[in-house]
PDB file of N, CA and C in Angstrom:
ATOM      1  N   MET A   1     -28.788  72.040  10.188  1.00  0.00           N
ATOM      2  CA  MET A   1     -29.495  72.272   8.882  1.00  0.00           C
ATOM      3  C   MET A   1     -30.371  73.361   9.319  1.00  0.00           C
ATOM      4  N   THR A   2     -30.641  74.567   8.477  1.00  0.00           N
ATOM      5  CA  THR A   2     -31.769  75.419   8.642  1.00  0.00           C
ATOM      6  C   THR A   2     -32.727  75.275   7.605  1.00  0.00           C
ATOM      7  N   ILE A   3     -34.086  75.206   8.000  1.00  0.00           N
ATOM      8  CA  ILE A   3     -35.145  75.184   6.989  1.00  0.00           C
ATOM      9  C   ILE A   3     -35.955  76.441   7.079  1.00  0.00           C
ATOM     10  N   THR A   4     -36.259  77.001   6.032  1.00  0.00           N
ATOM     11  CA  THR A   4     -36.843  78.253   5.812  1.00  0.00           C
ATOM     12  C   THR A   4     -38.161  78.036   4.874  1.00  0.00           C
ATOM     13  N   LYS A   5     -39.410  78.334   5.208  1.00  0.00           N
ATOM     14  CA  LYS A   5     -40.408  77.884   4.443  1.00  0.00           C
ATOM     15  C   LYS A   5     -41.216  79.248   3.864  1.00  0.00           C
ATOM     16  N   THR A   6     -41.650  79.459   2.701  1.00  0.00           N
ATOM     17  CA  THR A   6     -42.306  80.652   2.161  1.00  0.00           C
ATOM     18  C   THR A   6     -43.352  80.127   1.365  1.00  0.00           C
ATOM     19  N   GLN A   7     -44.728  80.295   1.841  1.00  0.00           N
ATOM     20  CA  GLN A   7     -45.778  79.983   0.870  1.00  0.00           C
ATOM     21  C   GLN A   7     -46.560  81.172   0.302  1.00  0.00           C
ATOM     22  N   ASN A   8     -46.838  80.973  -0.953  1.00  0.00           N
ATOM     23  CA  ASN A   8     -47.437  81.848  -1.871  1.00  0.00           C
ATOM     24  C   ASN A   8     -48.445  81.123  -2.551  1.00  0.00           C
ATOM     25  N   GLY A   9     -49.868  81.288  -1.964  1.00  0.00           N
ATOM     26  CA  GLY A   9     -50.935  80.606  -2.204  1.00  0.00           C
ATOM     27  C   GLY A   9     -50.838  79.284  -2.067  1.00  0.00           C
ATOM     28  N   THR A  10     -50.842  78.472  -3.019  1.00  0.00           N
ATOM     29  CA  THR A  10     -50.632  77.013  -3.038  1.00  0.00           C
ATOM     30  C   THR A  10     -49.220  76.329  -3.289  1.00  0.00           C
ATOM     31  N   THR A  11     -48.399  77.555  -3.425  1.00  0.00           N
ATOM     32  CA  THR A  11     -46.990  76.878  -3.387  1.00  0.00           C
ATOM     33  C   THR A  11     -46.085  77.218  -2.577  1.00  0.00           C
ATOM     34  N   LEU A  12     -45.349  76.120  -2.176  1.00  0.00           N
ATOM     35  CA  LEU A  12     -44.558  75.983  -0.734  1.00  0.00           C
ATOM     36  C   LEU A  12     -43.014  76.014  -1.450  1.00  0.00           C
ATOM     37  N   THR A  13     -42.210  77.016  -0.980  1.00  0.00           N
ATOM     38  CA  THR A  13     -40.780  77.146  -1.140  1.00  0.00           C
ATOM     39  C   THR A  13     -40.035  76.808   0.124  1.00  0.00           C
ATOM     40  N   VAL A  14     -39.225  75.634   0.123  1.00  0.00           N
ATOM     41  CA  VAL A  14     -38.500  75.233   1.292  1.00  0.00           C
ATOM     42  C   VAL A  14     -36.922  75.538   0.872  1.00  0.00           C
ATOM     43  N   ALA A  15     -36.355  76.394   1.571  1.00  0.00           N
ATOM     44  CA  ALA A  15     -34.926  76.709   1.390  1.00  0.00           C
ATOM     45  C   ALA A  15     -34.211  76.063   2.577  1.00  0.00           C
ATOM     46  N   LEU A  16     -33.256  75.276   2.053  1.00  0.00           N
ATOM     47  CA  LEU A  16     -32.318  74.466   3.041  1.00  0.00           C
ATOM     48  C   LEU A  16     -30.777  74.975   3.028  1.00  0.00           C
ATOM     49  N   GLU A  17     -30.342  74.956   4.210  1.00  0.00           N
ATOM     50  CA  GLU A  17     -29.169  75.646   4.428  1.00  0.00           C
ATOM     51  C   GLU A  17     -28.414  74.648   5.323  1.00  0.00           C
ATOM     52  N   GLY A  18     -27.276  74.162   4.837  1.00  0.00           N
ATOM     53  CA  GLY A  18     -26.276  73.160   5.699  1.00  0.00           C
ATOM     54  C   GLY A  18     -26.202  71.818   4.846  1.00  0.00           C
ATOM     55  N   ARG A  19     -26.440  70.880   5.667  1.00  0.00           N
ATOM     56  CA  ARG A  19     -26.303  69.455   5.308  1.00  0.00           C
ATOM     57  C   ARG A  19     -27.764  68.788   5.451  1.00  0.00           C
ATOM     58  N   LEU A  20     -28.123  68.017   4.339  1.00  0.00           N
ATOM     59  CA  LEU A  20     -29.160  67.092   4.502  1.00  0.00           C
ATOM     60  C   LEU A  20     -28.707  65.578   4.603  1.00  0.00           C
ATOM     61  N   ASP A  21     -28.730  65.066   5.851  1.00  0.00           N
ATOM     62  CA  ASP A  21     -28.092  63.988   5.934  1.00  0.00           C
ATOM     63  C   ASP A  21     -28.804  62.973   7.068  1.00  0.00           C
ATOM     64  N   THR A  22     -28.282  62.097   7.610  1.00  0.00           N
ATOM     65  CA  THR A  22     -28.993  61.098   8.466  1.00  0.00           C
ATOM     66  C   THR A  22     -29.413  61.706   9.640  1.00  0.00           C
ATOM     67  N   MET A  23     -28.636  62.967  10.288  1.00  0.00           N
ATOM     68  CA  MET A  23     -29.055  63.461  11.501  1.00  0.00           C
ATOM     69  C   MET A  23     -30.269  64.553  11.216  1.00  0.00           C
ATOM     70  N   THR A  24     -30.144  65.126   9.908  1.00  0.00           N
ATOM     71  CA  THR A  24     -31.165  66.238   9.651  1.00  0.00           C
ATOM     72  C   THR A  24     -32.289  66.008   8.934  1.00  0.00           C
ATOM     73  N   SER A  25     -32.202  64.763   8.194  1.00  0.00           N
ATOM     74  CA  SER A  25     -33.355  64.575   7.340  1.00  0.00           C
ATOM     75  C   SER A  25     -34.680  64.152   8.067  1.00  0.00           C
ATOM     76  N   PRO A  26     -34.409  63.773   9.343  1.00  0.00           N
ATOM     77  CA  PRO A  26     -35.900  63.645  10.110  1.00  0.00           C
ATOM     78  C   PRO A  26     -36.735  64.852  10.338  1.00  0.00           C
ATOM     79  N   ASP A  27     -35.792  66.025  10.366  1.00  0.00           N
ATOM     80  CA  ASP A  27     -36.265  67.385  10.850  1.00  0.00           C
ATOM     81  C   ASP A  27     -36.938  67.716   9.428  1.00  0.00           C
ATOM     82  N   LEU A  28     -36.503  67.687   8.295  1.00  0.00           N
ATOM     83  CA  LEU A  28     -37.077  68.054   6.971  1.00  0.00           C
ATOM     84  C   LEU A  28     -38.435  67.167   6.837  1.00  0.00           C
ATOM     85  N   GLU A  29     -38.265  65.837   7.076  1.00  0.00           N
ATOM     86  CA  GLU A  29     -39.477  64.889   6.886  1.00  0.00           C
ATOM     87  C   GLU A  29     -40.654  65.382   7.702  1.00  0.00           C
ATOM     88  N   ALA A  30     -40.304  65.684   8.999  1.00  0.00           N
ATOM     89  CA  ALA A  30     -41.427  66.197   9.853  1.00  0.00           C
ATOM     90  C   ALA A  30     -41.971  67.473   9.436  1.00  0.00           C
ATOM     91  N   GLU A  31     -40.964  68.412   8.958  1.00  0.00           N
ATOM     92  CA  GLU A  31     -41.321  69.647   8.559  1.00  0.00           C
ATOM     93  C   GLU A  31     -42.418  69.466   7.361  1.00  0.00           C
ATOM     94  N   LEU A  32     -41.957  68.747   6.449  1.00  0.00           N
ATOM     95  CA  LEU A  32     -42.878  68.634   5.163  1.00  0.00           C
ATOM     96  C   LEU A  32     -44.247  68.009   5.422  1.00  0.00           C
ATOM     97  N   ASN A  33     -44.234  66.857   6.465  1.00  0.00           N
ATOM     98  CA  ASN A  33     -45.432  66.216   6.994  1.00  0.00           C
ATOM     99  C   ASN A  33     -46.326  67.240   7.545  1.00  0.00           C
ATOM    100  N   ARG A  34     -46.031  68.319   8.143  1.00  0.00           N
ATOM    101  CA  ARG A  34     -46.948  69.267   8.806  1.00  0.00           C
ATOM    102  C   ARG A  34     -47.119  70.301   7.634  1.00  0.00           C
ATOM    103  N   SER A  35     -46.564  70.412   6.841  1.00  0.00           N
ATOM    104  CA  SER A  35     -46.801  71.755   5.795  1.00  0.00           C
ATOM    105  C   SER A  35     -47.204  71.427   4.299  1.00  0.00           C
ATOM    106  N   LEU A  36     -47.480  70.192   4.040  1.00  0.00           N
ATOM    107  CA  LEU A  36     -48.022  69.821   2.582  1.00  0.00           C
ATOM    108  C   LEU A  36     -49.512  69.883   2.347  1.00  0.00           C
ATOM    109  N   ASP A  37     -50.347  70.034   3.440  1.00  0.00           N
ATOM    110  CA  ASP A  37     -51.754  69.947   3.282  1.00  0.00           C
ATOM    111  C   ASP A  37     -52.310  71.215   2.554  1.00  0.00           C
ATOM    112  N   GLY A  38     -52.937  71.195   1.572  1.00  0.00           N
ATOM    113  CA  GLY A  38     -53.344  72.304   0.770  1.00  0.00           C
ATOM    114  C   GLY A  38     -52.200  72.974  -0.215  1.00  0.00           C
ATOM    115  N   ILE A  39     -51.276  72.297  -0.396  1.00  0.00           N
ATOM    116  CA  ILE A  39     -50.113  72.550  -1.169  1.00  0.00           C
ATOM    117  C   ILE A  39     -49.841  72.043  -2.576  1.00  0.00           C
ATOM    118  N   ASP A  40     -50.050  72.627  -3.520  1.00  0.00           N
ATOM    119  CA  ASP A  40     -50.157  71.939  -4.932  1.00  0.00           C
ATOM    120  C   ASP A  40     -48.830  71.872  -5.514  1.00  0.00           C
ATOM    121  N   SER A  41     -47.968  72.855  -5.092  1.00  0.00           N
ATOM    122  CA  SER A  41     -46.592  72.739  -5.921  1.00  0.00           C
ATOM    123  C   SER A  41     -45.525  73.003  -4.770  1.00  0.00           C
ATOM    124  N   LEU A  42     -44.424  72.261  -4.873  1.00  0.00           N
ATOM    125  CA  LEU A  42     -43.293  72.403  -3.903  1.00  0.00           C
ATOM    126  C   LEU A  42     -41.946  72.811  -4.602  1.00  0.00           C
ATOM    127  N   ILE A  43     -41.437  73.715  -4.001  1.00  0.00           N
ATOM    128  CA  ILE A  43     -39.987  74.178  -4.582  1.00  0.00           C
ATOM    129  C   ILE A  43     -39.046  74.082  -3.673  1.00  0.00           C
ATOM    130  N   PHE A  44     -38.022  73.395  -3.721  1.00  0.00           N
ATOM    131  CA  PHE A  44     -36.860  73.283  -3.001  1.00  0.00           C
ATOM    132  C   PHE A  44     -35.860  74.287  -3.469  1.00  0.00           C
ATOM    133  N   ASP A  45     -35.324  74.942  -2.627  1.00  0.00           N
ATOM    134  CA  ASP A  45     -34.233  75.958  -2.999  1.00  0.00           C
ATOM    135  C   ASP A  45     -32.948  75.433  -2.379  1.00  0.00           C
ATOM    136  N   PHE A  46     -32.153  75.119  -3.211  1.00  0.00           N
ATOM    137  CA  PHE A  46     -30.715  74.334  -2.575  1.00  0.00           C
ATOM    138  C   PHE A  46     -29.540  75.213  -2.560  1.00  0.00           C
ATOM    139  N   THR A  47     -29.826  76.620  -2.728  1.00  0.00           N
ATOM    140  CA  THR A  47     -28.918  77.753  -2.919  1.00  0.00           C
ATOM    141  C   THR A  47     -27.782  77.370  -1.854  1.00  0.00           C
ATOM    142  N   LYS A  48     -28.005  77.205  -0.686  1.00  0.00           N
ATOM    143  CA  LYS A  48     -27.165  77.065   0.562  1.00  0.00           C
ATOM    144  C   LYS A  48     -27.035  75.822   1.090  1.00  0.00           C
ATOM    145  N   LEU A  49     -27.483  74.704   0.379  1.00  0.00           N
ATOM    146  CA  LEU A  49     -27.453  73.305   0.777  1.00  0.00           C
ATOM    147  C   LEU A  49     -25.904  72.800   0.368  1.00  0.00           C
ATOM    148  N   ASP A  50     -25.204  72.327   1.231  1.00  0.00           N
ATOM    149  CA  ASP A  50     -23.698  72.008   0.911  1.00  0.00           C
ATOM    150  C   ASP A  50     -23.635  70.490   0.720  1.00  0.00           C
ATOM    151  N   TYR A  51     -24.507  69.795   1.097  1.00  0.00           N
ATOM    152  CA  TYR A  51     -24.182  68.229   0.947  1.00  0.00           C
ATOM    153  C   TYR A  51     -25.837  67.498   1.092  1.00  0.00           C
ATOM    154  N   ILE A  52     -25.891  66.426   0.462  1.00  0.00           N
ATOM    155  CA  ILE A  52     -27.039  65.600   0.587  1.00  0.00           C
ATOM    156  C   ILE A  52     -26.704  64.299   0.627  1.00  0.00           C
ATOM    157  N   SER A  53     -27.116  63.305   1.619  1.00  0.00           N
ATOM    158  CA  SER A  53     -26.785  61.980   1.960  1.00  0.00           C
ATOM    159  C   SER A  53     -27.981  61.064   1.197  1.00  0.00           C
ATOM    160  N   SER A  54     -27.861  59.737   1.450  1.00  0.00           N
ATOM    161  CA  SER A  54     -28.838  58.878   0.857  1.00  0.00           C
ATOM    162  C   SER A  54     -30.243  59.075   1.832  1.00  0.00           C
ATOM    163  N   ALA A  55     -30.129  59.493   2.985  1.00  0.00           N
ATOM    164  CA  ALA A  55     -31.263  59.794   3.934  1.00  0.00           C
ATOM    165  C   ALA A  55     -31.901  60.951   3.286  1.00  0.00           C
ATOM    166  N   GLY A  56     -31.120  61.812   2.970  1.00  0.00           N
ATOM    167  CA  GLY A  56     -31.874  63.121   2.457  1.00  0.00           C
ATOM    168  C   GLY A  56     -32.334  62.842   1.101  1.00  0.00           C
ATOM    169  N   LEU A  57     -32.074  61.937   0.400  1.00  0.00           N
ATOM    170  CA  LEU A  57     -32.520  61.575  -1.004  1.00  0.00           C
ATOM    171  C   LEU A  57     -33.745  60.869  -0.822  1.00  0.00           C
ATOM    172  N   ARG A  58     -33.834  60.105   0.331  1.00  0.00           N
ATOM    173  CA  ARG A  58     -35.133  59.338   0.675  1.00  0.00           C
ATOM    174  C   ARG A  58     -36.405  60.277   1.058  1.00  0.00           C
ATOM    175  N   VAL A  59     -35.956  61.300   1.658  1.00  0.00           N
ATOM    176  CA  VAL A  59     -36.961  62.423   2.007  1.00  0.00           C
ATOM    177  C   VAL A  59     -37.679  63.194   0.701  1.00  0.00           C
ATOM    178  N   LEU A  60     -36.613  63.464  -0.210  1.00  0.00           N
ATOM    179  CA  LEU A  60     -36.714  63.984  -1.553  1.00  0.00           C
ATOM    180  C   LEU A  60     -37.635  63.063  -2.419  1.00  0.00           C
ATOM    181  N   LEU A  61     -37.508  61.855  -2.392  1.00  0.00           N
ATOM    182  CA  LEU A  61     -38.299  60.876  -3.106  1.00  0.00           C
ATOM    183  C   LEU A  61     -39.487  60.764  -2.580  1.00  0.00           C
ATOM    184  N   ALA A  62     -39.851  60.637  -1.438  1.00  0.00           N
ATOM    185  CA  ALA A  62     -41.067  60.653  -0.531  1.00  0.00           C
ATOM    186  C   ALA A  62     -41.802  61.944  -1.076  1.00  0.00           C
ATOM    187  N   ALA A  63     -41.199  62.969  -0.964  1.00  0.00           N
ATOM    188  CA  ALA A  63     -41.931  64.292  -1.354  1.00  0.00           C
ATOM    189  C   ALA A  63     -42.419  64.443  -2.694  1.00  0.00           C
ATOM    190  N   HIS A  64     -41.533  63.777  -3.284  1.00  0.00           N
ATOM    191  CA  HIS A  64     -41.594  63.876  -4.948  1.00  0.00           C
ATOM    192  C   HIS A  64     -42.954  62.986  -5.244  1.00  0.00           C
ATOM    193  N   LYS A  65     -42.984  61.626  -4.694  1.00  0.00           N
ATOM    194  CA  LYS A  65     -44.242  60.954  -4.874  1.00  0.00           C
ATOM    195  C   LYS A  65     -45.443  61.529  -4.422  1.00  0.00           C
ATOM    196  N   GLN A  66     -45.391  62.250  -3.197  1.00  0.00           N
ATOM    197  CA  GLN A  66     -46.513  62.812  -2.767  1.00  0.00           C
ATOM    198  C   GLN A  66     -46.878  63.979  -3.535  1.00  0.00           C
ATOM    199  N   MET A  67     -46.187  64.797  -4.184  1.00  0.00           N
ATOM    200  CA  MET A  67     -46.405  65.994  -5.079  1.00  0.00           C
ATOM    201  C   MET A  67     -46.701  65.481  -6.384  1.00  0.00           C
ATOM    202  N   SER A  68     -46.398  64.235  -6.755  1.00  0.00           N
ATOM    203  CA  SER A  68     -46.742  63.919  -8.279  1.00  0.00           C
ATOM    204  C   SER A  68     -48.208  63.775  -8.535  1.00  0.00           C
ATOM    205  N   THR A  69     -49.012  63.506  -7.492  1.00  0.00           N
ATOM    206  CA  THR A  69     -50.630  63.522  -7.659  1.00  0.00           C
ATOM    207  C   THR A  69     -50.941  65.174  -7.644  1.00  0.00           C
ATOM    208  N   ARG A  70     -50.158  65.943  -7.565  1.00  0.00           N
ATOM    209  CA  ARG A  70     -50.528  67.597  -7.431  1.00  0.00           C
ATOM    210  C   ARG A  70     -49.811  68.026  -8.695  1.00  0.00           C
ATOM    211  N   ASP A  71     -49.400  69.427  -8.450  1.00  0.00           N
ATOM    212  CA  ASP A  71     -48.916  70.051  -9.538  1.00  0.00           C
ATOM    213  C   ASP A  71     -47.148  69.794  -9.772  1.00  0.00           C
ATOM    214  N   GLY A  72     -46.812  69.207  -8.664  1.00  0.00           N
ATOM    215  CA  GLY A  72     -45.310  68.789  -8.750  1.00  0.00           C
ATOM    216  C   GLY A  72     -44.387  69.352  -7.765  1.00  0.00           C
ATOM    217  N   MET A  73     -43.199  68.927  -7.994  1.00  0.00           N
ATOM    218  CA  MET A  73     -42.065  69.398  -7.230  1.00  0.00           C
ATOM    219  C   MET A  73     -40.602  69.700  -8.043  1.00  0.00           C
ATOM    220  N   THR A  74     -40.242  70.785  -7.621  1.00  0.00           N
ATOM    221  CA  THR A  74     -38.894  71.385  -8.366  1.00  0.00           C
ATOM    222  C   THR A  74     -37.845  71.473  -7.511  1.00  0.00           C
ATOM    223  N   VAL A  75     -36.683  71.130  -7.909  1.00  0.00           N
ATOM    224  CA  VAL A  75     -35.563  71.545  -7.033  1.00  0.00           C
ATOM    225  C   VAL A  75     -34.717  72.614  -7.866  1.00  0.00           C
ATOM    226  N   THR A  76     -34.409  73.595  -7.008  1.00  0.00           N
ATOM    227  CA  THR A  76     -33.614  74.740  -7.736  1.00  0.00           C
ATOM    228  C   THR A  76     -32.229  75.257  -7.088  1.00  0.00           C
ATOM    229  N   ASN A  77     -31.400  75.850  -7.861  1.00  0.00           N
ATOM    230  CA  ASN A  77     -29.984  76.288  -7.341  1.00  0.00           C
ATOM    231  C   ASN A  77     -29.294  75.172  -6.896  1.00  0.00           C
ATOM    232  N   VAL A  78     -29.055  74.004  -7.420  1.00  0.00           N
ATOM    233  CA  VAL A  78     -28.331  72.890  -7.136  1.00  0.00           C
ATOM    234  C   VAL A  78     -26.752  73.127  -7.380  1.00  0.00           C
ATOM    235  N   ASN A  79     -26.102  73.054  -6.329  1.00  0.00           N
ATOM    236  CA  ASN A  79     -24.584  73.315  -6.580  1.00  0.00           C
ATOM    237  C   ASN A  79     -23.929  71.947  -7.252  1.00  0.00           C
ATOM    238  N   GLU A  80     -22.670  72.092  -7.491  1.00  0.00           N
ATOM    239  CA  GLU A  80     -21.833  70.863  -8.203  1.00  0.00           C
ATOM    240  C   GLU A  80     -21.953  69.493  -7.323  1.00  0.00           C
ATOM    241  N   VAL A  81     -21.835  69.504  -6.060  1.00  0.00           N
ATOM    242  CA  VAL A  81     -21.476  68.472  -5.112  1.00  0.00           C
ATOM    243  C   VAL A  81     -22.888  67.799  -5.020  1.00  0.00           C
ATOM    244  N   VAL A  82     -24.066  68.635  -4.965  1.00  0.00           N
ATOM    245  CA  VAL A  82     -25.399  67.982  -4.827  1.00  0.00           C
ATOM    246  C   VAL A  82     -25.742  67.425  -6.254  1.00  0.00           C
ATOM    247  N   GLN A  83     -25.393  68.009  -7.251  1.00  0.00           N
ATOM    248  CA  GLN A  83     -25.875  67.629  -8.460  1.00  0.00           C
ATOM    249  C   GLN A  83     -25.012  66.456  -8.807  1.00  0.00           C
ATOM    250  N   GLU A  84     -23.874  66.275  -8.470  1.00  0.00           N
ATOM    251  CA  GLU A  84     -23.251  64.978  -8.807  1.00  0.00           C
ATOM    252  C   GLU A  84     -23.892  63.770  -7.806  1.00  0.00           C
ATOM    253  N   VAL A  85     -24.330  64.022  -6.873  1.00  0.00           N
ATOM    254  CA  VAL A  85     -25.229  63.034  -6.111  1.00  0.00           C
ATOM    255  C   VAL A  85     -26.365  62.622  -6.922  1.00  0.00           C
ATOM    256  N   PHE A  86     -27.189  63.600  -7.378  1.00  0.00           N
ATOM    257  CA  PHE A  86     -28.219  63.458  -8.207  1.00  0.00           C
ATOM    258  C   PHE A  86     -27.821  62.602  -9.459  1.00  0.00           C
ATOM    259  N   ASP A  87     -26.806  62.869 -10.161  1.00  0.00           N
ATOM    260  CA  ASP A  87     -26.394  62.075 -11.392  1.00  0.00           C
ATOM    261  C   ASP A  87     -25.967  60.807 -11.060  1.00  0.00           C
ATOM    262  N   VAL A  88     -25.326  60.494 -10.042  1.00  0.00           N
ATOM    263  CA  VAL A  88     -24.714  59.275  -9.763  1.00  0.00           C
ATOM    264  C   VAL A  88     -25.866  58.352  -9.421  1.00  0.00           C
ATOM    265  N   THR A  89     -26.674  58.953  -8.480  1.00  0.00           N
ATOM    266  CA  THR A  89     -27.884  58.001  -8.044  1.00  0.00           C
ATOM    267  C   THR A  89     -28.985  57.970  -8.907  1.00  0.00           C
ATOM    268  N   GLY A  90     -29.112  58.615 -10.167  1.00  0.00           N
ATOM    269  CA  GLY A  90     -30.193  58.689 -11.291  1.00  0.00           C
ATOM    270  C   GLY A  90     -31.349  59.547 -10.610  1.00  0.00           C
ATOM    271  N   PHE A  91     -31.137  60.275  -9.568  1.00  0.00           N
ATOM    272  CA  PHE A  91     -32.143  61.458  -9.165  1.00  0.00           C
ATOM    273  C   PHE A  91     -32.325  62.322 -10.178  1.00  0.00           C
ATOM    274  N   ALA A  92     -31.266  62.612 -11.015  1.00  0.00           N
ATOM    275  CA  ALA A  92     -31.297  63.787 -11.974  1.00  0.00           C
ATOM    276  C   ALA A  92     -32.290  63.441 -13.167  1.00  0.00           C
ATOM    277  N   ASP A  93     -32.698  61.983 -13.249  1.00  0.00           N
ATOM    278  CA  ASP A  93     -33.718  61.552 -14.206  1.00  0.00           C
ATOM    279  C   ASP A  93     -35.000  61.669 -13.596  1.00  0.00           C
ATOM    280  N   ILE A  94     -35.221  61.512 -12.299  1.00  0.00           N
ATOM    281  CA  ILE A  94     -36.481  61.612 -11.595  1.00  0.00           C
ATOM    282  C   ILE A  94     -36.926  63.037 -11.307  1.00  0.00           C
ATOM    283  N   LEU A  95     -36.100  63.747 -10.622  1.00  0.00           N
ATOM    284  CA  LEU A  95     -36.498  65.140 -10.329  1.00  0.00           C
ATOM    285  C   LEU A  95     -36.539  66.024 -11.395  1.00  0.00           C
ATOM    286  N   THR A  96     -37.422  67.040 -11.093  1.00  0.00           N
ATOM    287  CA  THR A  96     -37.355  68.266 -11.943  1.00  0.00           C
ATOM    288  C   THR A  96     -36.373  69.369 -11.378  1.00  0.00           C
ATOM    289  N   ILE A  97     -35.073  69.615 -11.983  1.00  0.00           N
ATOM    290  CA  ILE A  97     -34.118  70.454 -11.400  1.00  0.00           C
ATOM    291  C   ILE A  97     -33.948  71.675 -12.434  1.00  0.00           C
ATOM    292  N   GLU A  98     -33.889  72.701 -11.818  1.00  0.00           N
ATOM    293  CA  GLU A  98     -33.789  73.988 -12.671  1.00  0.00           C
ATOM    294  C   GLU A  98     -32.644  74.578 -11.906  1.00  0.00           C
TER     295      GLU A  98
END
């Protein structure tokens, strides 16, 4: 998985490419731990994300909880496969998806 970060003021956009699964979710978690200080708004761009597992969902949930005390977190450009995972797991009701 490739992680690309873009910061604009206090907004951080994290674009993911590949698979967010058991092998790659620790990388995203570590990157978020290093990057969220001073960030008020977090945007995930899933344009090139092919798959997300329960391990990836756990990282998203932790980020969502952390950002809920700030301006929030948004997930954008979700494909059908990832959206189905969000729907089945109930994450579609928790996350802000655009």
